[in-house]
PDB file of all heavy atoms in Angstrom:
ATOM      1  N   ILE A   1     -42.495 -66.000 -15.956  1.00  0.00           N
ATOM      2  CA  ILE A   1     -42.935 -64.678 -15.501  1.00  0.00           C
ATOM      3  C   ILE A   1     -41.851 -63.936 -14.735  1.00  0.00           C
ATOM      4  O   ILE A   1     -41.937 -62.725 -14.547  1.00  0.00           O
ATOM      5  CB  ILE A   1     -44.206 -64.809 -14.627  1.00  0.00           C
ATOM      6  CG1 ILE A   1     -43.938 -65.727 -13.442  1.00  0.00           C
ATOM      7  CG2 ILE A   1     -45.383 -65.305 -15.448  1.00  0.00           C
ATOM      8  CD1 ILE A   1     -45.129 -65.893 -12.517  1.00  0.00           C
ATOM      9  N   MET A   2     -40.818 -64.646 -14.278  1.00  0.00           N
ATOM     10  CA  MET A   2     -39.732 -63.978 -13.570  1.00  0.00           C
ATOM     11  C   MET A   2     -38.701 -63.400 -14.527  1.00  0.00           C
ATOM     12  O   MET A   2     -37.852 -62.611 -14.116  1.00  0.00           O
ATOM     13  CB  MET A   2     -39.049 -64.953 -12.596  1.00  0.00           C
ATOM     14  CG  MET A   2     -39.839 -65.221 -11.336  1.00  0.00           C
ATOM     15  SD  MET A   2     -38.945 -66.252 -10.148  1.00  0.00           S
ATOM     16  CE  MET A   2     -39.495 -67.863 -10.640  1.00  0.00           C
ATOM     17  N   GLY A   3     -38.773 -63.787 -15.804  1.00  0.00           N
ATOM     18  CA  GLY A   3     -37.821 -63.277 -16.783  1.00  0.00           C
ATOM     19  C   GLY A   3     -36.386 -63.597 -16.429  1.00  0.00           C
ATOM     20  O   GLY A   3     -35.512 -62.721 -16.474  1.00  0.00           O
ATOM     21  N   LEU A   4     -36.126 -64.861 -16.109  1.00  0.00           N
ATOM     22  CA  LEU A   4     -34.783 -65.260 -15.690  1.00  0.00           C
ATOM     23  C   LEU A   4     -33.823 -65.242 -16.883  1.00  0.00           C
ATOM     24  O   LEU A   4     -34.216 -65.414 -18.038  1.00  0.00           O
ATOM     25  CB  LEU A   4     -34.831 -66.641 -15.048  1.00  0.00           C
ATOM     26  CG  LEU A   4     -35.757 -66.735 -13.814  1.00  0.00           C
ATOM     27  CD1 LEU A   4     -35.785 -68.145 -13.273  1.00  0.00           C
ATOM     28  CD2 LEU A   4     -35.330 -65.747 -12.741  1.00  0.00           C
ATOM     29  N   THR A   5     -32.552 -65.048 -16.589  1.00  0.00           N
ATOM     30  CA  THR A   5     -31.551 -64.774 -17.617  1.00  0.00           C
ATOM     31  C   THR A   5     -31.423 -65.892 -18.634  1.00  0.00           C
ATOM     32  O   THR A   5     -31.420 -65.661 -19.843  1.00  0.00           O
ATOM     33  CB  THR A   5     -30.182 -64.515 -16.956  1.00  0.00           C
ATOM     34  OG1 THR A   5     -30.310 -63.488 -15.992  1.00  0.00           O
ATOM     35  CG2 THR A   5     -29.143 -64.121 -17.991  1.00  0.00           C
ATOM     36  N   SER A   6     -31.296 -67.133 -18.173  1.00  0.00           N
ATOM     37  CA  SER A   6     -31.095 -68.279 -19.068  1.00  0.00           C
ATOM     38  C   SER A   6     -31.594 -69.534 -18.362  1.00  0.00           C
ATOM     39  O   SER A   6     -31.779 -69.539 -17.137  1.00  0.00           O
ATOM     40  CB  SER A   6     -29.616 -68.432 -19.418  1.00  0.00           C
ATOM     41  OG  SER A   6     -28.868 -68.782 -18.257  1.00  0.00           O
ATOM     42  N   PRO A   7     -31.798 -70.608 -19.150  1.00  0.00           N
ATOM     43  CA  PRO A   7     -32.211 -71.860 -18.493  1.00  0.00           C
ATOM     44  C   PRO A   7     -31.221 -72.320 -17.426  1.00  0.00           C
ATOM     45  O   PRO A   7     -31.614 -72.752 -16.339  1.00  0.00           O
ATOM     46  CB  PRO A   7     -32.287 -72.848 -19.662  1.00  0.00           C
ATOM     47  CG  PRO A   7     -32.591 -71.994 -20.851  1.00  0.00           C
ATOM     48  CD  PRO A   7     -31.842 -70.717 -20.616  1.00  0.00           C
ATOM     49  N   GLN A   8     -29.920 -72.231 -17.728  1.00  0.00           N
ATOM     50  CA  GLN A   8     -28.918 -72.659 -16.750  1.00  0.00           C
ATOM     51  C   GLN A   8     -28.967 -71.789 -15.497  1.00  0.00           C
ATOM     52  O   GLN A   8     -28.873 -72.288 -14.364  1.00  0.00           O
ATOM     53  CB  GLN A   8     -27.519 -72.594 -17.376  1.00  0.00           C
ATOM     54  CG  GLN A   8     -27.283 -73.576 -18.493  1.00  0.00           C
ATOM     55  CD  GLN A   8     -27.810 -73.079 -19.830  1.00  0.00           C
ATOM     56  OE1 GLN A   8     -28.394 -71.994 -19.912  1.00  0.00           O
ATOM     57  NE2 GLN A   8     -27.614 -73.883 -20.879  1.00  0.00           N
ATOM     58  N   SER A   9     -29.108 -70.477 -15.682  1.00  0.00           N
ATOM     59  CA  SER A   9     -29.189 -69.564 -14.552  1.00  0.00           C
ATOM     60  C   SER A   9     -30.444 -69.820 -13.725  1.00  0.00           C
ATOM     61  O   SER A   9     -30.415 -69.763 -12.491  1.00  0.00           O
ATOM     62  CB  SER A   9     -29.173 -68.116 -15.050  1.00  0.00           C
ATOM     63  OG  SER A   9     -29.357 -67.209 -13.982  1.00  0.00           O
ATOM     64  N   ALA A  10     -31.552 -70.116 -14.397  1.00  0.00           N
ATOM     65  CA  ALA A  10     -32.815 -70.376 -13.693  1.00  0.00           C
ATOM     66  C   ALA A  10     -32.707 -71.607 -12.804  1.00  0.00           C
ATOM     67  O   ALA A  10     -33.127 -71.602 -11.636  1.00  0.00           O
ATOM     68  CB  ALA A  10     -33.943 -70.547 -14.707  1.00  0.00           C
ATOM     69  N   ILE A  11     -32.120 -72.677 -13.376  1.00  0.00           N
ATOM     70  CA  ILE A  11     -31.988 -73.919 -12.604  1.00  0.00           C
ATOM     71  C   ILE A  11     -31.059 -73.711 -11.411  1.00  0.00           C
ATOM     72  O   ILE A  11     -31.358 -74.118 -10.281  1.00  0.00           O
ATOM     73  CB  ILE A  11     -31.470 -75.046 -13.514  1.00  0.00           C
ATOM     74  CG1 ILE A  11     -32.506 -75.350 -14.603  1.00  0.00           C
ATOM     75  CG2 ILE A  11     -31.151 -76.292 -12.701  1.00  0.00           C
ATOM     76  CD1 ILE A  11     -31.984 -76.240 -15.695  1.00  0.00           C
ATOM     77  N   LEU A  12     -29.917 -73.061 -11.656  1.00  0.00           N
ATOM     78  CA  LEU A  12     -28.956 -72.838 -10.580  1.00  0.00           C
ATOM     79  C   LEU A  12     -29.542 -71.927  -9.504  1.00  0.00           C
ATOM     80  O   LEU A  12     -29.373 -72.188  -8.299  1.00  0.00           O
ATOM     81  CB  LEU A  12     -27.680 -72.218 -11.153  1.00  0.00           C
ATOM     82  CG  LEU A  12     -26.522 -72.001 -10.161  1.00  0.00           C
ATOM     83  CD1 LEU A  12     -26.130 -73.310  -9.497  1.00  0.00           C
ATOM     84  CD2 LEU A  12     -25.317 -71.369 -10.872  1.00  0.00           C
ATOM     85  N   SER A  13     -30.270 -70.872  -9.908  1.00  0.00           N
ATOM     86  CA  SER A  13     -30.867 -69.938  -8.946  1.00  0.00           C
ATOM     87  C   SER A  13     -31.903 -70.641  -8.078  1.00  0.00           C
ATOM     88  O   SER A  13     -31.982 -70.412  -6.869  1.00  0.00           O
ATOM     89  CB  SER A  13     -31.509 -68.763  -9.686  1.00  0.00           C
ATOM     90  OG  SER A  13     -30.554 -68.053 -10.434  1.00  0.00           O
ATOM     91  N   ALA A  14     -32.715 -71.509  -8.690  1.00  0.00           N
ATOM     92  CA  ALA A  14     -33.746 -72.230  -7.937  1.00  0.00           C
ATOM     93  C   ALA A  14     -33.130 -73.172  -6.908  1.00  0.00           C
ATOM     94  O   ALA A  14     -33.592 -73.267  -5.764  1.00  0.00           O
ATOM     95  CB  ALA A  14     -34.644 -73.002  -8.895  1.00  0.00           C
ATOM     96  N   ILE A  15     -32.041 -73.865  -7.325  1.00  0.00           N
ATOM     97  CA  ILE A  15     -31.434 -74.828  -6.396  1.00  0.00           C
ATOM     98  C   ILE A  15     -30.691 -74.110  -5.276  1.00  0.00           C
ATOM     99  O   ILE A  15     -30.648 -74.583  -4.134  1.00  0.00           O
ATOM    100  CB  ILE A  15     -30.512 -75.809  -7.155  1.00  0.00           C
ATOM    101  CG1 ILE A  15     -30.432 -77.151  -6.395  1.00  0.00           C
ATOM    102  CG2 ILE A  15     -29.139 -75.247  -7.388  1.00  0.00           C
ATOM    103  CD1 ILE A  15     -31.690 -77.946  -6.442  1.00  0.00           C
ATOM    104  N   ILE A  16     -30.109 -72.922  -5.583  1.00  0.00           N
ATOM    105  CA  ILE A  16     -29.450 -72.132  -4.534  1.00  0.00           C
ATOM    106  C   ILE A  16     -30.488 -71.624  -3.538  1.00  0.00           C
ATOM    107  O   ILE A  16     -30.298 -71.723  -2.316  1.00  0.00           O
ATOM    108  CB  ILE A  16     -28.666 -70.955  -5.148  1.00  0.00           C
ATOM    109  CG1 ILE A  16     -27.456 -71.470  -5.931  1.00  0.00           C
ATOM    110  CG2 ILE A  16     -28.212 -69.983  -4.061  1.00  0.00           C
ATOM    111  CD1 ILE A  16     -26.713 -70.380  -6.693  1.00  0.00           C
ATOM    112  N   PHE A  17     -31.601 -71.103  -4.048  1.00  0.00           N
ATOM    113  CA  PHE A  17     -32.665 -70.619  -3.155  1.00  0.00           C
ATOM    114  C   PHE A  17     -33.198 -71.766  -2.298  1.00  0.00           C
ATOM    115  O   PHE A  17     -33.464 -71.597  -1.113  1.00  0.00           O
ATOM    116  CB  PHE A  17     -33.791 -70.005  -3.977  1.00  0.00           C
ATOM    117  CG  PHE A  17     -34.955 -69.547  -3.146  1.00  0.00           C
ATOM    118  CD1 PHE A  17     -34.947 -68.300  -2.539  1.00  0.00           C
ATOM    119  CD2 PHE A  17     -36.053 -70.373  -2.924  1.00  0.00           C
ATOM    120  CE1 PHE A  17     -36.017 -67.882  -1.743  1.00  0.00           C
ATOM    121  CE2 PHE A  17     -37.115 -69.973  -2.139  1.00  0.00           C
ATOM    122  CZ  PHE A  17     -37.089 -68.715  -1.545  1.00  0.00           C
ATOM    123  N   ASN A  18     -33.340 -72.931  -2.897  1.00  0.00           N
ATOM    124  CA  ASN A  18     -33.866 -74.096  -2.182  1.00  0.00           C
ATOM    125  C   ASN A  18     -33.005 -74.440  -0.968  1.00  0.00           C
ATOM    126  O   ASN A  18     -33.520 -74.880   0.070  1.00  0.00           O
ATOM    127  CB  ASN A  18     -33.930 -75.284  -3.136  1.00  0.00           C
ATOM    128  CG  ASN A  18     -34.721 -76.449  -2.573  1.00  0.00           C
ATOM    129  OD1 ASN A  18     -35.906 -76.329  -2.332  1.00  0.00           O
ATOM    130  ND2 ASN A  18     -34.054 -77.571  -2.363  1.00  0.00           N
ATOM    131  N   ALA A  19     -31.703 -74.230  -1.081  1.00  0.00           N
ATOM    132  CA  ALA A  19     -30.800 -74.514   0.041  1.00  0.00           C
ATOM    133  C   ALA A  19     -30.804 -73.383   1.060  1.00  0.00           C
ATOM    134  O   ALA A  19     -30.881 -73.618   2.275  1.00  0.00           O
ATOM    135  CB  ALA A  19     -29.385 -74.746  -0.483  1.00  0.00           C
ATOM    136  N   LEU A  20     -30.749 -72.145   0.570  1.00  0.00           N
ATOM    137  CA  LEU A  20     -30.630 -71.000   1.481  1.00  0.00           C
ATOM    138  C   LEU A  20     -31.885 -70.779   2.315  1.00  0.00           C
ATOM    139  O   LEU A  20     -31.798 -70.294   3.442  1.00  0.00           O
ATOM    140  CB  LEU A  20     -30.304 -69.735   0.678  1.00  0.00           C
ATOM    141  CG  LEU A  20     -28.938 -69.700  -0.009  1.00  0.00           C
ATOM    142  CD1 LEU A  20     -28.760 -68.390  -0.768  1.00  0.00           C
ATOM    143  CD2 LEU A  20     -27.810 -69.879   1.003  1.00  0.00           C
ATOM    144  N   ILE A  21     -33.060 -71.131   1.763  1.00  0.00           N
ATOM    145  CA  ILE A  21     -34.296 -70.867   2.503  1.00  0.00           C
ATOM    146  C   ILE A  21     -34.358 -71.698   3.782  1.00  0.00           C
ATOM    147  O   ILE A  21     -34.963 -71.295   4.780  1.00  0.00           O
ATOM    148  CB  ILE A  21     -35.536 -71.131   1.611  1.00  0.00           C
ATOM    149  CG1 ILE A  21     -36.782 -70.517   2.242  1.00  0.00           C
ATOM    150  CG2 ILE A  21     -35.738 -72.609   1.365  1.00  0.00           C
ATOM    151  CD1 ILE A  21     -36.758 -69.017   2.360  1.00  0.00           C
ATOM    152  N   ILE A  22     -33.713 -72.866   3.778  1.00  0.00           N
ATOM    153  CA  ILE A  22     -33.678 -73.690   4.998  1.00  0.00           C
ATOM    154  C   ILE A  22     -32.930 -72.952   6.102  1.00  0.00           C
ATOM    155  O   ILE A  22     -33.402 -72.870   7.248  1.00  0.00           O
ATOM    156  CB  ILE A  22     -33.022 -75.054   4.707  1.00  0.00           C
ATOM    157  CG1 ILE A  22     -33.891 -75.864   3.737  1.00  0.00           C
ATOM    158  CG2 ILE A  22     -32.805 -75.837   6.007  1.00  0.00           C
ATOM    159  CD1 ILE A  22     -33.273 -77.193   3.323  1.00  0.00           C
ATOM    160  N   ILE A  23     -31.760 -72.380   5.751  1.00  0.00           N
ATOM    161  CA  ILE A  23     -30.988 -71.616   6.730  1.00  0.00           C
ATOM    162  C   ILE A  23     -31.788 -70.414   7.217  1.00  0.00           C
ATOM    163  O   ILE A  23     -31.821 -70.096   8.415  1.00  0.00           O
ATOM    164  CB  ILE A  23     -29.657 -71.156   6.106  1.00  0.00           C
ATOM    165  CG1 ILE A  23     -28.705 -72.340   5.957  1.00  0.00           C
ATOM    166  CG2 ILE A  23     -29.002 -70.067   6.944  1.00  0.00           C
ATOM    167  CD1 ILE A  23     -28.167 -72.887   7.250  1.00  0.00           C
ATOM    168  N   ALA A  24     -32.475 -69.735   6.293  1.00  0.00           N
ATOM    169  CA  ALA A  24     -33.227 -68.532   6.650  1.00  0.00           C
ATOM    170  C   ALA A  24     -34.365 -68.828   7.622  1.00  0.00           C
ATOM    171  O   ALA A  24     -34.735 -67.973   8.436  1.00  0.00           O
ATOM    172  CB  ALA A  24     -33.777 -67.868   5.392  1.00  0.00           C
ATOM    173  N   LEU A  25     -34.919 -70.035   7.537  1.00  0.00           N
ATOM    174  CA  LEU A  25     -36.078 -70.379   8.372  1.00  0.00           C
ATOM    175  C   LEU A  25     -35.696 -71.054   9.691  1.00  0.00           C
ATOM    176  O   LEU A  25     -36.585 -71.338  10.498  1.00  0.00           O
ATOM    177  CB  LEU A  25     -37.027 -71.290   7.590  1.00  0.00           C
ATOM    178  CG  LEU A  25     -37.763 -70.640   6.414  1.00  0.00           C
ATOM    179  CD1 LEU A  25     -38.568 -71.684   5.645  1.00  0.00           C
ATOM    180  CD2 LEU A  25     -38.679 -69.519   6.895  1.00  0.00           C
ATOM    181  N   ILE A  26     -34.412 -71.311   9.922  1.00  0.00           N
ATOM    182  CA  ILE A  26     -34.010 -71.963  11.180  1.00  0.00           C
ATOM    183  C   ILE A  26     -34.440 -71.155  12.410  1.00  0.00           C
ATOM    184  O   ILE A  26     -35.006 -71.726  13.356  1.00  0.00           O
ATOM    185  CB  ILE A  26     -32.488 -72.233  11.194  1.00  0.00           C
ATOM    186  CG1 ILE A  26     -32.143 -73.367  10.231  1.00  0.00           C
ATOM    187  CG2 ILE A  26     -32.014 -72.595  12.604  1.00  0.00           C
ATOM    188  CD1 ILE A  26     -30.663 -73.660  10.120  1.00  0.00           C
ATOM    189  N   PRO A  27     -34.214 -69.827  12.465  1.00  0.00           N
ATOM    190  CA  PRO A  27     -34.669 -69.075  13.649  1.00  0.00           C
ATOM    191  C   PRO A  27     -36.168 -69.200  13.896  1.00  0.00           C
ATOM    192  O   PRO A  27     -36.604 -69.318  15.042  1.00  0.00           O
ATOM    193  CB  PRO A  27     -34.277 -67.631  13.309  1.00  0.00           C
ATOM    194  CG  PRO A  27     -33.138 -67.757  12.356  1.00  0.00           C
ATOM    195  CD  PRO A  27     -33.455 -68.956  11.530  1.00  0.00           C
ATOM    196  N   LEU A  28     -36.965 -69.205  12.829  1.00  0.00           N
ATOM    197  CA  LEU A  28     -38.410 -69.339  12.994  1.00  0.00           C
ATOM    198  C   LEU A  28     -38.769 -70.727  13.516  1.00  0.00           C
ATOM    199  O   LEU A  28     -39.643 -70.880  14.375  1.00  0.00           O
ATOM    200  CB  LEU A  28     -39.111 -69.074  11.662  1.00  0.00           C
ATOM    201  CG  LEU A  28     -40.647 -69.126  11.686  1.00  0.00           C
ATOM    202  CD1 LEU A  28     -41.202 -68.057  12.621  1.00  0.00           C
ATOM    203  CD2 LEU A  28     -41.216 -68.929  10.285  1.00  0.00           C
ATOM    204  N   ALA A  29     -38.079 -71.758  13.006  1.00  0.00           N
ATOM    205  CA  ALA A  29     -38.346 -73.124  13.472  1.00  0.00           C
ATOM    206  C   ALA A  29     -37.995 -73.286  14.946  1.00  0.00           C
ATOM    207  O   ALA A  29     -38.695 -73.977  15.698  1.00  0.00           O
ATOM    208  CB  ALA A  29     -37.559 -74.122  12.630  1.00  0.00           C
ATOM    209  N   LEU A  30     -36.910 -72.647  15.396  1.00  0.00           N
ATOM    210  CA  LEU A  30     -36.480 -72.769  16.791  1.00  0.00           C
ATOM    211  C   LEU A  30     -37.320 -71.912  17.721  1.00  0.00           C
ATOM    212  O   LEU A  30     -37.683 -72.330  18.823  1.00  0.00           O
ATOM    213  CB  LEU A  30     -35.007 -72.383  16.920  1.00  0.00           C
ATOM    214  CG  LEU A  30     -33.992 -73.265  16.189  1.00  0.00           C
ATOM    215  CD1 LEU A  30     -32.583 -72.759  16.426  1.00  0.00           C
ATOM    216  CD2 LEU A  30     -34.120 -74.715  16.625  1.00  0.00           C
ATOM    217  N   LYS A  31     -37.627 -70.692  17.283  1.00  0.00           N
ATOM    218  CA  LYS A  31     -38.391 -69.773  18.131  1.00  0.00           C
ATOM    219  C   LYS A  31     -39.864 -70.096  18.119  1.00  0.00           C
ATOM    220  O   LYS A  31     -40.566 -69.914  19.106  1.00  0.00           O
ATOM    221  CB  LYS A  31     -38.151 -68.342  17.665  1.00  0.00           C
ATOM    222  CG  LYS A  31     -38.732 -67.291  18.599  1.00  0.00           C
ATOM    223  CD  LYS A  31     -38.365 -65.890  18.127  1.00  0.00           C
ATOM    224  CE  LYS A  31     -38.931 -64.832  19.079  1.00  0.00           C
ATOM    225  NZ  LYS A  31     -38.608 -63.457  18.619  1.00  0.00           N
ATOM    226  N   GLY A  32     -40.368 -70.588  16.991  1.00  0.00           N
ATOM    227  CA  GLY A  32     -41.777 -70.922  16.872  1.00  0.00           C
ATOM    228  C   GLY A  32     -42.599 -69.757  16.361  1.00  0.00           C
ATOM    229  O   GLY A  32     -42.261 -68.594  16.553  1.00  0.00           O
ATOM    230  N   VAL A  33     -43.685 -70.091  15.691  1.00  0.00           N
ATOM    231  CA  VAL A  33     -44.609 -69.079  15.191  1.00  0.00           C
ATOM    232  C   VAL A  33     -45.398 -68.519  16.361  1.00  0.00           C
ATOM    233  O   VAL A  33     -45.863 -69.264  17.232  1.00  0.00           O
ATOM    234  CB  VAL A  33     -45.567 -69.702  14.147  1.00  0.00           C
ATOM    235  CG1 VAL A  33     -46.632 -68.697  13.722  1.00  0.00           C
ATOM    236  CG2 VAL A  33     -44.774 -70.180  12.948  1.00  0.00           C
ATOM    237  N   ARG A  34     -45.549 -67.222  16.402  1.00  0.00           N
ATOM    238  CA  ARG A  34     -46.276 -66.600  17.504  1.00  0.00           C
ATOM    239  C   ARG A  34     -47.732 -67.038  17.479  1.00  0.00           C
ATOM    240  O   ARG A  34     -48.381 -67.012  16.442  1.00  0.00           O
ATOM    241  CB  ARG A  34     -46.197 -65.076  17.391  1.00  0.00           C
ATOM    242  CG  ARG A  34     -46.879 -64.358  18.555  1.00  0.00           C
ATOM    243  CD  ARG A  34     -46.771 -62.846  18.413  1.00  0.00           C
ATOM    244  NE  ARG A  34     -47.462 -62.173  19.502  1.00  0.00           N
ATOM    245  CZ  ARG A  34     -47.600 -60.854  19.588  1.00  0.00           C
ATOM    246  NH1 ARG A  34     -47.072 -60.077  18.647  1.00  0.00           N
ATOM    247  NH2 ARG A  34     -48.243 -60.311  20.600  1.00  0.00           N
ATOM    248  N   TYR A  35     -48.218 -67.466  18.648  1.00  0.00           N
ATOM    249  CA  TYR A  35     -49.598 -67.936  18.737  1.00  0.00           C
ATOM    250  C   TYR A  35     -50.478 -66.889  19.396  1.00  0.00           C
ATOM    251  O   TYR A  35     -50.165 -66.374  20.466  1.00  0.00           O
ATOM    252  CB  TYR A  35     -49.678 -69.238  19.537  1.00  0.00           C
ATOM    253  CG  TYR A  35     -51.095 -69.686  19.779  1.00  0.00           C
ATOM    254  CD1 TYR A  35     -51.862 -70.202  18.747  1.00  0.00           C
ATOM    255  CD2 TYR A  35     -51.683 -69.550  21.033  1.00  0.00           C
ATOM    256  CE1 TYR A  35     -53.171 -70.589  18.956  1.00  0.00           C
ATOM    257  CE2 TYR A  35     -52.985 -69.937  21.256  1.00  0.00           C
ATOM    258  CZ  TYR A  35     -53.734 -70.454  20.212  1.00  0.00           C
ATOM    259  OH  TYR A  35     -55.029 -70.825  20.414  1.00  0.00           O
ATOM    260  N   ARG A  36     -51.589 -66.580  18.735  1.00  0.00           N
ATOM    261  CA  ARG A  36     -52.597 -65.693  19.314  1.00  0.00           C
ATOM    262  C   ARG A  36     -53.888 -66.488  19.457  1.00  0.00           C
ATOM    263  O   ARG A  36     -54.348 -67.086  18.478  1.00  0.00           O
ATOM    264  CB  ARG A  36     -52.841 -64.475  18.423  1.00  0.00           C
ATOM    265  CG  ARG A  36     -51.627 -63.579  18.220  1.00  0.00           C
ATOM    266  CD  ARG A  36     -52.017 -62.365  17.378  1.00  0.00           C
ATOM    267  NE  ARG A  36     -50.885 -61.504  17.101  1.00  0.00           N
ATOM    268  CZ  ARG A  36     -50.093 -61.633  16.037  1.00  0.00           C
ATOM    269  NH1 ARG A  36     -50.320 -62.612  15.162  1.00  0.00           N
ATOM    270  NH2 ARG A  36     -49.083 -60.812  15.840  1.00  0.00           N
ATOM    271  N   PRO A  37     -54.483 -66.519  20.654  1.00  0.00           N
ATOM    272  CA  PRO A  37     -55.709 -67.298  20.842  1.00  0.00           C
ATOM    273  C   PRO A  37     -56.795 -66.889  19.865  1.00  0.00           C
ATOM    274  O   PRO A  37     -57.122 -65.709  19.732  1.00  0.00           O
ATOM    275  CB  PRO A  37     -56.113 -66.963  22.289  1.00  0.00           C
ATOM    276  CG  PRO A  37     -54.835 -66.571  22.951  1.00  0.00           C
ATOM    277  CD  PRO A  37     -54.037 -65.871  21.900  1.00  0.00           C
TER     278      PRO A  37
END
């Protein structure tokens, strides 16, 4: 459904995203999710 360019591109894009999302979420992990009673 994403209409990715090729099988090789799809695999590489998924593995790149898998690594980058960890870096992107570090500030949230350190700061914490805002808690509302």
